[in-house]
PDB file of N, CA and C in Angstrom:
ATOM      1  N   MET A   1      23.950  30.023  47.194  1.00  0.00           N
ATOM      2  CA  MET A   1      23.924  31.837  46.838  1.00  0.00           C
ATOM      3  C   MET A   1      25.291  32.129  47.178  1.00  0.00           C
ATOM      4  N   ALA A   2      26.157  33.025  46.724  1.00  0.00           N
ATOM      5  CA  ALA A   2      27.408  33.537  46.949  1.00  0.00           C
ATOM      6  C   ALA A   2      27.327  34.758  47.856  1.00  0.00           C
ATOM      7  N   ARG A   3      28.316  34.366  48.727  1.00  0.00           N
ATOM      8  CA  ARG A   3      28.366  35.763  49.647  1.00  0.00           C
ATOM      9  C   ARG A   3      29.227  36.731  48.874  1.00  0.00           C
ATOM     10  N   LYS A   4      28.652  38.209  49.021  1.00  0.00           N
ATOM     11  CA  LYS A   4      29.239  39.110  48.383  1.00  0.00           C
ATOM     12  C   LYS A   4      28.886  40.276  49.724  1.00  0.00           C
ATOM     13  N   THR A   5      28.419  40.210  50.805  1.00  0.00           N
ATOM     14  CA  THR A   5      28.312  41.225  51.774  1.00  0.00           C
ATOM     15  C   THR A   5      28.518  40.327  53.056  1.00  0.00           C
ATOM     16  N   ALA A   6      28.232  41.237  54.124  1.00  0.00           N
ATOM     17  CA  ALA A   6      28.306  40.588  55.517  1.00  0.00           C
ATOM     18  C   ALA A   6      27.007  39.897  55.794  1.00  0.00           C
ATOM     19  N   LEU A   7      26.158  39.718  55.084  1.00  0.00           N
ATOM     20  CA  LEU A   7      24.721  39.348  55.477  1.00  0.00           C
ATOM     21  C   LEU A   7      24.996  37.839  55.875  1.00  0.00           C
ATOM     22  N   SER A   8      24.894  37.475  57.159  1.00  0.00           N
ATOM     23  CA  SER A   8      25.076  35.973  57.094  1.00  0.00           C
ATOM     24  C   SER A   8      24.218  34.867  56.824  1.00  0.00           C
ATOM     25  N   ALA A   9      22.828  35.271  56.872  1.00  0.00           N
ATOM     26  CA  ALA A   9      21.826  34.328  56.213  1.00  0.00           C
ATOM     27  C   ALA A   9      21.075  34.895  55.307  1.00  0.00           C
ATOM     28  N   PRO A  10      21.437  35.038  53.882  1.00  0.00           N
ATOM     29  CA  PRO A  10      20.556  35.585  52.923  1.00  0.00           C
ATOM     30  C   PRO A  10      19.117  34.777  52.856  1.00  0.00           C
ATOM     31  N   THR A  11      18.357  35.473  52.323  1.00  0.00           N
ATOM     32  CA  THR A  11      16.989  34.672  52.215  1.00  0.00           C
ATOM     33  C   THR A  11      17.169  34.985  50.457  1.00  0.00           C
ATOM     34  N   TYR A  12      15.887  34.472  49.820  1.00  0.00           N
ATOM     35  CA  TYR A  12      15.411  34.757  48.367  1.00  0.00           C
ATOM     36  C   TYR A  12      14.811  36.254  48.378  1.00  0.00           C
ATOM     37  N   SER A  13      14.398  36.622  49.447  1.00  0.00           N
ATOM     38  CA  SER A  13      13.556  38.011  49.704  1.00  0.00           C
ATOM     39  C   SER A  13      14.791  39.282  49.603  1.00  0.00           C
ATOM     40  N   THR A  14      15.632  38.869  50.466  1.00  0.00           N
ATOM     41  CA  THR A  14      16.997  39.989  50.713  1.00  0.00           C
ATOM     42  C   THR A  14      17.934  39.800  49.566  1.00  0.00           C
ATOM     43  N   VAL A  15      17.716  38.766  48.540  1.00  0.00           N
ATOM     44  CA  VAL A  15      18.709  38.571  47.435  1.00  0.00           C
ATOM     45  C   VAL A  15      17.950  39.805  46.410  1.00  0.00           C
ATOM     46  N   CYS A  16      16.546  39.539  46.492  1.00  0.00           N
ATOM     47  CA  CYS A  16      15.576  40.330  45.667  1.00  0.00           C
ATOM     48  C   CYS A  16      15.727  41.685  45.769  1.00  0.00           C
ATOM     49  N   ARG A  17      15.877  42.205  46.875  1.00  0.00           N
ATOM     50  CA  ARG A  17      16.316  43.386  47.258  1.00  0.00           C
ATOM     51  C   ARG A  17      17.473  44.247  47.003  1.00  0.00           C
ATOM     52  N   GLY A  18      18.115  43.214  46.516  1.00  0.00           N
ATOM     53  CA  GLY A  18      19.803  43.829  46.071  1.00  0.00           C
ATOM     54  C   GLY A  18      20.381  43.534  47.171  1.00  0.00           C
ATOM     55  N   ASP A  19      20.204  42.397  48.305  1.00  0.00           N
ATOM     56  CA  ASP A  19      21.830  42.607  49.323  1.00  0.00           C
ATOM     57  C   ASP A  19      23.161  42.100  48.842  1.00  0.00           C
ATOM     58  N   GLY A  20      23.260  41.819  47.496  1.00  0.00           N
ATOM     59  CA  GLY A  20      24.654  42.004  46.982  1.00  0.00           C
ATOM     60  C   GLY A  20      24.737  40.244  46.625  1.00  0.00           C
ATOM     61  N   HIS A  21      24.201  39.431  46.943  1.00  0.00           N
ATOM     62  CA  HIS A  21      24.016  37.971  46.890  1.00  0.00           C
ATOM     63  C   HIS A  21      23.764  37.544  45.054  1.00  0.00           C
ATOM     64  N   VAL A  22      24.353  36.590  44.720  1.00  0.00           N
ATOM     65  CA  VAL A  22      24.050  35.985  43.232  1.00  0.00           C
ATOM     66  C   VAL A  22      23.445  35.087  43.482  1.00  0.00           C
ATOM     67  N   GLU A  23      22.305  34.316  42.851  1.00  0.00           N
ATOM     68  CA  GLU A  23      21.842  33.188  42.445  1.00  0.00           C
ATOM     69  C   GLU A  23      22.628  32.474  41.849  1.00  0.00           C
ATOM     70  N   ALA A  24      22.747  31.184  41.969  1.00  0.00           N
ATOM     71  CA  ALA A  24      24.052  30.205  41.616  1.00  0.00           C
ATOM     72  C   ALA A  24      23.618  28.819  42.036  1.00  0.00           C
ATOM     73  N   VAL A  25      24.647  28.202  40.933  1.00  0.00           N
ATOM     74  CA  VAL A  25      24.554  26.704  41.070  1.00  0.00           C
ATOM     75  C   VAL A  25      26.067  26.498  41.605  1.00  0.00           C
ATOM     76  N   ARG A  26      25.949  25.327  42.280  1.00  0.00           N
ATOM     77  CA  ARG A  26      27.230  24.721  42.706  1.00  0.00           C
ATOM     78  C   ARG A  26      27.775  23.850  42.180  1.00  0.00           C
ATOM     79  N   VAL A  27      28.504  23.508  41.524  1.00  0.00           N
ATOM     80  CA  VAL A  27      28.921  22.155  40.956  1.00  0.00           C
ATOM     81  C   VAL A  27      29.899  21.513  41.666  1.00  0.00           C
ATOM     82  N   GLU A  28      29.599  20.366  41.960  1.00  0.00           N
ATOM     83  CA  GLU A  28      30.561  19.234  42.722  1.00  0.00           C
ATOM     84  C   GLU A  28      30.966  18.378  41.459  1.00  0.00           C
ATOM     85  N   TYR A  29      32.087  18.186  41.376  1.00  0.00           N
ATOM     86  CA  TYR A  29      32.583  17.266  40.449  1.00  0.00           C
ATOM     87  C   TYR A  29      33.630  16.354  40.638  1.00  0.00           C
ATOM     88  N   ASP A  30      33.555  15.181  40.100  1.00  0.00           N
ATOM     89  CA  ASP A  30      35.126  14.341  40.329  1.00  0.00           C
ATOM     90  C   ASP A  30      36.141  14.561  39.041  1.00  0.00           C
ATOM     91  N   PRO A  31      37.191  14.984  39.486  1.00  0.00           N
ATOM     92  CA  PRO A  31      38.081  15.287  38.589  1.00  0.00           C
ATOM     93  C   PRO A  31      38.505  14.049  37.453  1.00  0.00           C
ATOM     94  N   ALA A  32      38.321  12.925  38.456  1.00  0.00           N
ATOM     95  CA  ALA A  32      38.856  11.526  37.664  1.00  0.00           C
ATOM     96  C   ALA A  32      37.801  11.408  36.422  1.00  0.00           C
ATOM     97  N   VAL A  33      36.592  12.179  36.606  1.00  0.00           N
ATOM     98  CA  VAL A  33      35.834  11.810  35.297  1.00  0.00           C
ATOM     99  C   VAL A  33      35.677  13.163  34.313  1.00  0.00           C
ATOM    100  N   VAL A  34      35.683  14.099  35.044  1.00  0.00           N
ATOM    101  CA  VAL A  34      35.751  15.165  34.058  1.00  0.00           C
ATOM    102  C   VAL A  34      36.395  16.638  34.666  1.00  0.00           C
ATOM    103  N   SER A  35      37.203  17.377  34.073  1.00  0.00           N
ATOM    104  CA  SER A  35      38.112  17.948  34.016  1.00  0.00           C
ATOM    105  C   SER A  35      37.696  19.464  34.782  1.00  0.00           C
ATOM    106  N   TYR A  36      38.203  20.419  35.654  1.00  0.00           N
ATOM    107  CA  TYR A  36      37.913  21.473  35.442  1.00  0.00           C
ATOM    108  C   TYR A  36      37.782  22.535  34.048  1.00  0.00           C
ATOM    109  N   VAL A  37      38.805  22.356  33.380  1.00  0.00           N
ATOM    110  CA  VAL A  37      38.928  22.708  31.979  1.00  0.00           C
ATOM    111  C   VAL A  37      37.256  22.618  31.009  1.00  0.00           C
ATOM    112  N   GLN A  38      37.131  21.203  31.436  1.00  0.00           N
ATOM    113  CA  GLN A  38      35.935  20.542  30.646  1.00  0.00           C
ATOM    114  C   GLN A  38      34.798  21.439  30.880  1.00  0.00           C
ATOM    115  N   LEU A  39      34.487  21.500  32.175  1.00  0.00           N
ATOM    116  CA  LEU A  39      33.447  22.291  33.289  1.00  0.00           C
ATOM    117  C   LEU A  39      33.485  23.709  32.384  1.00  0.00           C
ATOM    118  N   LEU A  40      34.610  24.321  32.559  1.00  0.00           N
ATOM    119  CA  LEU A  40      34.571  25.612  31.983  1.00  0.00           C
ATOM    120  C   LEU A  40      34.245  25.729  30.494  1.00  0.00           C
ATOM    121  N   ALA A  41      34.487  24.916  29.857  1.00  0.00           N
ATOM    122  CA  ALA A  41      34.064  24.617  28.247  1.00  0.00           C
ATOM    123  C   ALA A  41      32.758  24.493  28.133  1.00  0.00           C
ATOM    124  N   VAL A  42      31.828  23.795  28.874  1.00  0.00           N
ATOM    125  CA  VAL A  42      30.456  23.679  28.813  1.00  0.00           C
ATOM    126  C   VAL A  42      29.746  25.212  29.213  1.00  0.00           C
ATOM    127  N   PHE A  43      30.529  25.861  30.354  1.00  0.00           N
ATOM    128  CA  PHE A  43      30.010  27.102  30.850  1.00  0.00           C
ATOM    129  C   PHE A  43      30.276  27.855  30.007  1.00  0.00           C
ATOM    130  N   THR A  44      30.984  28.077  29.321  1.00  0.00           N
ATOM    131  CA  THR A  44      31.527  29.482  28.491  1.00  0.00           C
ATOM    132  C   THR A  44      30.803  29.076  26.987  1.00  0.00           C
ATOM    133  N   ALA A  45      30.344  28.013  27.009  1.00  0.00           N
ATOM    134  CA  ALA A  45      29.629  27.777  25.345  1.00  0.00           C
ATOM    135  C   ALA A  45      28.493  28.439  25.756  1.00  0.00           C
ATOM    136  N   GLU A  46      27.732  28.715  26.812  1.00  0.00           N
ATOM    137  CA  GLU A  46      26.574  29.110  26.953  1.00  0.00           C
ATOM    138  C   GLU A  46      26.428  30.535  26.700  1.00  0.00           C
ATOM    139  N   ARG A  47      25.003  30.985  26.390  1.00  0.00           N
ATOM    140  CA  ARG A  47      25.378  32.685  25.954  1.00  0.00           C
ATOM    141  C   ARG A  47      24.940  33.195  27.336  1.00  0.00           C
ATOM    142  N   HIS A  48      25.847  34.313  27.289  1.00  0.00           N
ATOM    143  CA  HIS A  48      26.226  34.930  28.871  1.00  0.00           C
ATOM    144  C   HIS A  48      25.766  36.662  27.948  1.00  0.00           C
ATOM    145  N   VAL A  49      24.828  37.321  28.747  1.00  0.00           N
ATOM    146  CA  VAL A  49      24.896  38.337  28.539  1.00  0.00           C
ATOM    147  C   VAL A  49      24.783  39.454  30.237  1.00  0.00           C
ATOM    148  N   ARG A  50      25.126  40.473  29.956  1.00  0.00           N
ATOM    149  CA  ARG A  50      25.009  41.298  31.408  1.00  0.00           C
ATOM    150  C   ARG A  50      23.281  41.233  31.408  1.00  0.00           C
ATOM    151  N   LYS A  51      23.203  41.406  32.863  1.00  0.00           N
ATOM    152  CA  LYS A  51      22.045  41.558  33.488  1.00  0.00           C
ATOM    153  C   LYS A  51      21.620  42.796  34.323  1.00  0.00           C
ATOM    154  N   ALA A  52      20.553  43.319  34.345  1.00  0.00           N
ATOM    155  CA  ALA A  52      20.722  44.803  35.207  1.00  0.00           C
ATOM    156  C   ALA A  52      20.542  44.539  36.739  1.00  0.00           C
ATOM    157  N   ARG A  53      20.312  43.230  37.185  1.00  0.00           N
ATOM    158  CA  ARG A  53      20.294  42.986  38.443  1.00  0.00           C
ATOM    159  C   ARG A  53      21.496  42.067  38.836  1.00  0.00           C
ATOM    160  N   ARG A  54      21.774  42.340  39.970  1.00  0.00           N
ATOM    161  CA  ARG A  54      23.234  41.733  40.817  1.00  0.00           C
ATOM    162  C   ARG A  54      22.883  40.207  40.882  1.00  0.00           C
ATOM    163  N   GLN A  55      21.780  39.991  41.281  1.00  0.00           N
ATOM    164  CA  GLN A  55      21.384  38.768  41.582  1.00  0.00           C
ATOM    165  C   GLN A  55      21.538  37.515  40.314  1.00  0.00           C
ATOM    166  N   TYR A  56      21.496  38.059  39.056  1.00  0.00           N
ATOM    167  CA  TYR A  56      21.441  37.168  38.155  1.00  0.00           C
ATOM    168  C   TYR A  56      22.790  37.085  37.310  1.00  0.00           C
ATOM    169  N   ALA A  57      23.789  37.707  38.102  1.00  0.00           N
ATOM    170  CA  ALA A  57      24.933  37.923  37.442  1.00  0.00           C
ATOM    171  C   ALA A  57      25.799  36.376  37.213  1.00  0.00           C
ATOM    172  N   SER A  58      26.261  36.783  35.936  1.00  0.00           N
ATOM    173  CA  SER A  58      27.117  35.536  35.349  1.00  0.00           C
ATOM    174  C   SER A  58      28.411  35.249  36.051  1.00  0.00           C
ATOM    175  N   ALA A  59      28.933  34.001  36.739  1.00  0.00           N
ATOM    176  CA  ALA A  59      29.816  34.176  37.502  1.00  0.00           C
ATOM    177  C   ALA A  59      30.862  33.043  37.354  1.00  0.00           C
ATOM    178  N   ILE A  60      32.165  32.980  37.612  1.00  0.00           N
ATOM    179  CA  ILE A  60      32.868  31.636  37.964  1.00  0.00           C
ATOM    180  C   ILE A  60      33.800  32.133  39.471  1.00  0.00           C
ATOM    181  N   TRP A  61      33.600  31.490  40.206  1.00  0.00           N
ATOM    182  CA  TRP A  61      34.209  31.653  41.851  1.00  0.00           C
ATOM    183  C   TRP A  61      35.177  30.406  41.887  1.00  0.00           C
ATOM    184  N   PHE A  62      36.700  31.066  41.527  1.00  0.00           N
ATOM    185  CA  PHE A  62      37.419  29.735  41.685  1.00  0.00           C
ATOM    186  C   PHE A  62      38.324  30.042  43.019  1.00  0.00           C
ATOM    187  N   ASP A  63      38.931  28.412  43.421  1.00  0.00           N
ATOM    188  CA  ASP A  63      39.234  27.988  44.724  1.00  0.00           C
ATOM    189  C   ASP A  63      40.835  27.991  44.481  1.00  0.00           C
ATOM    190  N   ASP A  64      41.698  28.541  43.817  1.00  0.00           N
ATOM    191  CA  ASP A  64      42.907  28.387  43.492  1.00  0.00           C
ATOM    192  C   ASP A  64      43.805  29.082  42.350  1.00  0.00           C
ATOM    193  N   ALA A  65      44.874  29.426  42.297  1.00  0.00           N
ATOM    194  CA  ALA A  65      45.806  29.859  41.102  1.00  0.00           C
ATOM    195  C   ALA A  65      45.047  29.391  39.831  1.00  0.00           C
ATOM    196  N   ALA A  66      45.327  27.800  39.981  1.00  0.00           N
ATOM    197  CA  ALA A  66      45.195  27.064  38.702  1.00  0.00           C
ATOM    198  C   ALA A  66      44.190  27.048  38.187  1.00  0.00           C
ATOM    199  N   GLN A  67      43.098  26.988  39.005  1.00  0.00           N
ATOM    200  CA  GLN A  67      41.361  27.483  38.419  1.00  0.00           C
ATOM    201  C   GLN A  67      41.242  28.801  38.133  1.00  0.00           C
ATOM    202  N   GLU A  68      42.074  30.012  38.450  1.00  0.00           N
ATOM    203  CA  GLU A  68      41.663  31.254  38.305  1.00  0.00           C
ATOM    204  C   GLU A  68      42.370  31.277  36.952  1.00  0.00           C
ATOM    205  N   ALA A  69      43.795  30.822  36.386  1.00  0.00           N
ATOM    206  CA  ALA A  69      44.302  30.712  35.161  1.00  0.00           C
ATOM    207  C   ALA A  69      43.116  30.168  34.208  1.00  0.00           C
ATOM    208  N   ALA A  70      42.804  28.734  34.684  1.00  0.00           N
ATOM    209  CA  ALA A  70      42.260  28.119  33.636  1.00  0.00           C
ATOM    210  C   ALA A  70      40.939  29.113  33.214  1.00  0.00           C
ATOM    211  N   ALA A  71      40.302  29.557  33.857  1.00  0.00           N
ATOM    212  CA  ALA A  71      38.918  30.339  33.811  1.00  0.00           C
ATOM    213  C   ALA A  71      39.257  31.601  33.332  1.00  0.00           C
ATOM    214  N   ARG A  72      40.276  32.382  33.239  1.00  0.00           N
ATOM    215  CA  ARG A  72      40.859  33.353  32.769  1.00  0.00           C
ATOM    216  C   ARG A  72      40.900  33.057  31.076  1.00  0.00           C
ATOM    217  N   THR A  73      41.488  32.167  31.136  1.00  0.00           N
ATOM    218  CA  THR A  73      41.893  31.789  29.751  1.00  0.00           C
ATOM    219  C   THR A  73      40.506  31.236  29.031  1.00  0.00           C
ATOM    220  N   ALA A  74      39.631  30.487  29.550  1.00  0.00           N
ATOM    221  CA  ALA A  74      38.347  29.979  29.011  1.00  0.00           C
ATOM    222  C   ALA A  74      37.623  31.519  28.558  1.00  0.00           C
ATOM    223  N   LEU A  75      37.476  32.404  29.575  1.00  0.00           N
ATOM    224  CA  LEU A  75      36.717  33.696  29.158  1.00  0.00           C
ATOM    225  C   LEU A  75      37.447  34.263  28.041  1.00  0.00           C
ATOM    226  N   ALA A  76      38.590  34.311  28.107  1.00  0.00           N
ATOM    227  CA  ALA A  76      39.199  34.986  27.180  1.00  0.00           C
ATOM    228  C   ALA A  76      39.073  34.444  25.707  1.00  0.00           C
ATOM    229  N   GLU A  77      39.084  33.169  25.715  1.00  0.00           N
ATOM    230  CA  GLU A  77      38.945  32.150  24.182  1.00  0.00           C
ATOM    231  C   GLU A  77      37.442  32.815  23.545  1.00  0.00           C
ATOM    232  N   ARG A  78      36.491  32.786  24.318  1.00  0.00           N
ATOM    233  CA  ARG A  78      35.259  33.137  24.180  1.00  0.00           C
ATOM    234  C   ARG A  78      34.675  34.865  24.175  1.00  0.00           C
ATOM    235  N   GLY A  79      35.755  35.454  24.543  1.00  0.00           N
ATOM    236  CA  GLY A  79      35.647  37.155  24.533  1.00  0.00           C
ATOM    237  C   GLY A  79      34.484  37.253  25.687  1.00  0.00           C
ATOM    238  N   LEU A  80      34.543  36.786  26.951  1.00  0.00           N
ATOM    239  CA  LEU A  80      33.576  36.992  27.759  1.00  0.00           C
ATOM    240  C   LEU A  80      34.058  37.852  29.071  1.00  0.00           C
ATOM    241  N   GLU A  81      35.420  38.343  28.813  1.00  0.00           N
ATOM    242  CA  GLU A  81      35.899  39.203  30.156  1.00  0.00           C
ATOM    243  C   GLU A  81      34.995  40.414  30.207  1.00  0.00           C
ATOM    244  N   GLY A  82      34.883  40.590  31.269  1.00  0.00           N
ATOM    245  CA  GLY A  82      34.017  41.749  31.736  1.00  0.00           C
ATOM    246  C   GLY A  82      32.507  41.367  31.713  1.00  0.00           C
ATOM    247  N   ILE A  83      32.340  39.938  31.131  1.00  0.00           N
ATOM    248  CA  ILE A  83      30.777  39.818  31.021  1.00  0.00           C
ATOM    249  C   ILE A  83      30.480  38.909  32.284  1.00  0.00           C
ATOM    250  N   VAL A  84      31.376  37.979  32.276  1.00  0.00           N
ATOM    251  CA  VAL A  84      31.439  36.689  33.106  1.00  0.00           C
ATOM    252  C   VAL A  84      32.256  37.319  34.391  1.00  0.00           C
ATOM    253  N   GLU A  85      31.726  37.858  35.540  1.00  0.00           N
ATOM    254  CA  GLU A  85      32.610  37.753  36.492  1.00  0.00           C
ATOM    255  C   GLU A  85      33.395  36.594  37.227  1.00  0.00           C
ATOM    256  N   LEU A  86      34.524  37.136  37.315  1.00  0.00           N
ATOM    257  CA  LEU A  86      35.497  35.904  37.921  1.00  0.00           C
ATOM    258  C   LEU A  86      36.068  36.422  39.049  1.00  0.00           C
ATOM    259  N   ALA A  87      35.999  35.427  40.374  1.00  0.00           N
ATOM    260  CA  ALA A  87      36.406  35.901  41.596  1.00  0.00           C
ATOM    261  C   ALA A  87      36.821  34.892  42.625  1.00  0.00           C
ATOM    262  N   PRO A  88      37.653  35.167  43.600  1.00  0.00           N
ATOM    263  CA  PRO A  88      37.688  34.038  44.502  1.00  0.00           C
ATOM    264  C   PRO A  88      36.472  33.070  45.204  1.00  0.00           C
ATOM    265  N   ALA A  89      36.645  32.308  45.551  1.00  0.00           N
ATOM    266  CA  ALA A  89      35.623  31.736  45.873  1.00  0.00           C
ATOM    267  C   ALA A  89      35.078  32.030  47.400  1.00  0.00           C
ATOM    268  N   MET A  90      33.765  32.309  47.882  1.00  0.00           N
ATOM    269  CA  MET A  90      33.600  33.050  48.989  1.00  0.00           C
ATOM    270  C   MET A  90      32.671  31.868  49.700  1.00  0.00           C
ATOM    271  N   GLU A  91      31.977  32.303  51.081  1.00  0.00           N
ATOM    272  CA  GLU A  91      31.433  31.577  51.719  1.00  0.00           C
ATOM    273  C   GLU A  91      30.102  31.288  50.948  1.00  0.00           C
ATOM    274  N   TRP A  92      29.623  30.153  50.848  1.00  0.00           N
ATOM    275  CA  TRP A  92      28.198  29.395  50.245  1.00  0.00           C
ATOM    276  C   TRP A  92      27.202  29.529  51.395  1.00  0.00           C
ATOM    277  N   HIS A  93      26.246  29.634  50.675  1.00  0.00           N
ATOM    278  CA  HIS A  93      24.739  29.720  51.256  1.00  0.00           C
ATOM    279  C   HIS A  93      24.002  29.047  50.399  1.00  0.00           C
ATOM    280  N   ASP A  94      23.546  27.948  50.910  1.00  0.00           N
ATOM    281  CA  ASP A  94      22.348  27.336  50.365  1.00  0.00           C
ATOM    282  C   ASP A  94      21.079  27.645  50.157  1.00  0.00           C
ATOM    283  N   ALA A  95      20.804  27.917  49.107  1.00  0.00           N
ATOM    284  CA  ALA A  95      19.027  28.722  49.080  1.00  0.00           C
ATOM    285  C   ALA A  95      17.947  27.874  49.889  1.00  0.00           C
ATOM    286  N   GLU A  96      16.923  28.568  50.310  1.00  0.00           N
ATOM    287  CA  GLU A  96      15.969  28.075  51.074  1.00  0.00           C
ATOM    288  C   GLU A  96      15.645  26.900  50.302  1.00  0.00           C
ATOM    289  N   GLU A  97      14.916  25.654  51.336  1.00  0.00           N
ATOM    290  CA  GLU A  97      14.431  24.699  50.728  1.00  0.00           C
ATOM    291  C   GLU A  97      13.460  24.495  49.853  1.00  0.00           C
ATOM    292  N   HIS A  98      12.558  25.389  49.092  1.00  0.00           N
ATOM    293  CA  HIS A  98      11.710  25.564  48.410  1.00  0.00           C
ATOM    294  C   HIS A  98      12.202  25.832  47.346  1.00  0.00           C
ATOM    295  N   HIS A  99      13.803  26.460  47.199  1.00  0.00           N
ATOM    296  CA  HIS A  99      14.480  26.815  45.990  1.00  0.00           C
ATOM    297  C   HIS A  99      15.393  25.770  45.503  1.00  0.00           C
ATOM    298  N   GLN A 100      15.482  24.449  46.466  1.00  0.00           N
ATOM    299  CA  GLN A 100      16.561  23.695  46.128  1.00  0.00           C
ATOM    300  C   GLN A 100      15.770  22.521  45.286  1.00  0.00           C
ATOM    301  N   ASP A 101      16.325  22.131  44.087  1.00  0.00           N
ATOM    302  CA  ASP A 101      15.820  21.201  42.845  1.00  0.00           C
ATOM    303  C   ASP A 101      14.693  21.706  42.352  1.00  0.00           C
ATOM    304  N   TYR A 102      14.728  23.432  42.477  1.00  0.00           N
ATOM    305  CA  TYR A 102      13.500  24.196  41.703  1.00  0.00           C
ATOM    306  C   TYR A 102      13.133  23.390  40.687  1.00  0.00           C
ATOM    307  N   ASN A 103      14.004  22.938  39.387  1.00  0.00           N
ATOM    308  CA  ASN A 103      13.314  22.759  38.137  1.00  0.00           C
ATOM    309  C   ASN A 103      12.814  21.609  38.546  1.00  0.00           C
ATOM    310  N   PHE A 104      13.107  20.574  39.323  1.00  0.00           N
ATOM    311  CA  PHE A 104      12.204  19.176  39.259  1.00  0.00           C
ATOM    312  C   PHE A 104      11.058  19.142  39.832  1.00  0.00           C
ATOM    313  N   LYS A 105      11.232  20.382  40.838  1.00  0.00           N
ATOM    314  CA  LYS A 105       9.609  20.967  41.519  1.00  0.00           C
ATOM    315  C   LYS A 105       8.918  21.872  40.640  1.00  0.00           C
ATOM    316  N   ASN A 106       8.902  22.446  39.723  1.00  0.00           N
ATOM    317  CA  ASN A 106       8.368  23.410  39.049  1.00  0.00           C
ATOM    318  C   ASN A 106       8.397  22.571  37.099  1.00  0.00           C
ATOM    319  N   SER A 107       8.087  21.878  36.926  1.00  0.00           N
ATOM    320  CA  SER A 107       8.527  21.335  35.685  1.00  0.00           C
ATOM    321  C   SER A 107       8.091  22.459  34.496  1.00  0.00           C
ATOM    322  N   GLY A 108       7.036  23.259  34.767  1.00  0.00           N
ATOM    323  CA  GLY A 108       6.587  24.341  34.240  1.00  0.00           C
ATOM    324  C   GLY A 108       7.396  25.693  33.988  1.00  0.00           C
ATOM    325  N   ALA A 109       8.391  25.783  34.831  1.00  0.00           N
ATOM    326  CA  ALA A 109       8.860  27.039  35.141  1.00  0.00           C
ATOM    327  C   ALA A 109       9.490  27.486  33.860  1.00  0.00           C
ATOM    328  N   ALA A 110       9.375  28.949  33.853  1.00  0.00           N
ATOM    329  CA  ALA A 110       9.839  29.677  32.810  1.00  0.00           C
ATOM    330  C   ALA A 110      11.312  29.371  32.482  1.00  0.00           C
ATOM    331  N   CYS A 111      12.033  29.329  33.660  1.00  0.00           N
ATOM    332  CA  CYS A 111      13.931  29.289  33.303  1.00  0.00           C
ATOM    333  C   CYS A 111      13.773  28.091  32.872  1.00  0.00           C
ATOM    334  N   LEU A 112      13.014  27.194  32.469  1.00  0.00           N
ATOM    335  CA  LEU A 112      13.168  25.985  31.822  1.00  0.00           C
ATOM    336  C   LEU A 112      12.849  25.783  30.586  1.00  0.00           C
ATOM    337  N   ARG A 113      12.339  26.845  29.621  1.00  0.00           N
ATOM    338  CA  ARG A 113      12.108  27.073  28.603  1.00  0.00           C
ATOM    339  C   ARG A 113      12.893  27.492  27.716  1.00  0.00           C
TER     340      ARG A 113
END
């Protein structure tokens, strides 16, 4: 979960109640294997729509000016400005354990269909 508020330990319950955090996937990668620009290409190729609830926002959080510039370019090329949030990386909070590897633990989950 990405931090958007002063809440120090968000839970799924607080996120669902609108505490300002966003459900997110943290991508760790080896730039010798895949570039940040390649990751952006995969991300921006997916369909993005505005969600009514903040917790489901589509977002890119960047670590430095180079990543910000690359992300702005990728979003502009796909017409996603204003649809995908772009902001500096914030403090990361892992989800509760029962939400870790959710897709593997819940093969019939609606989010996999």
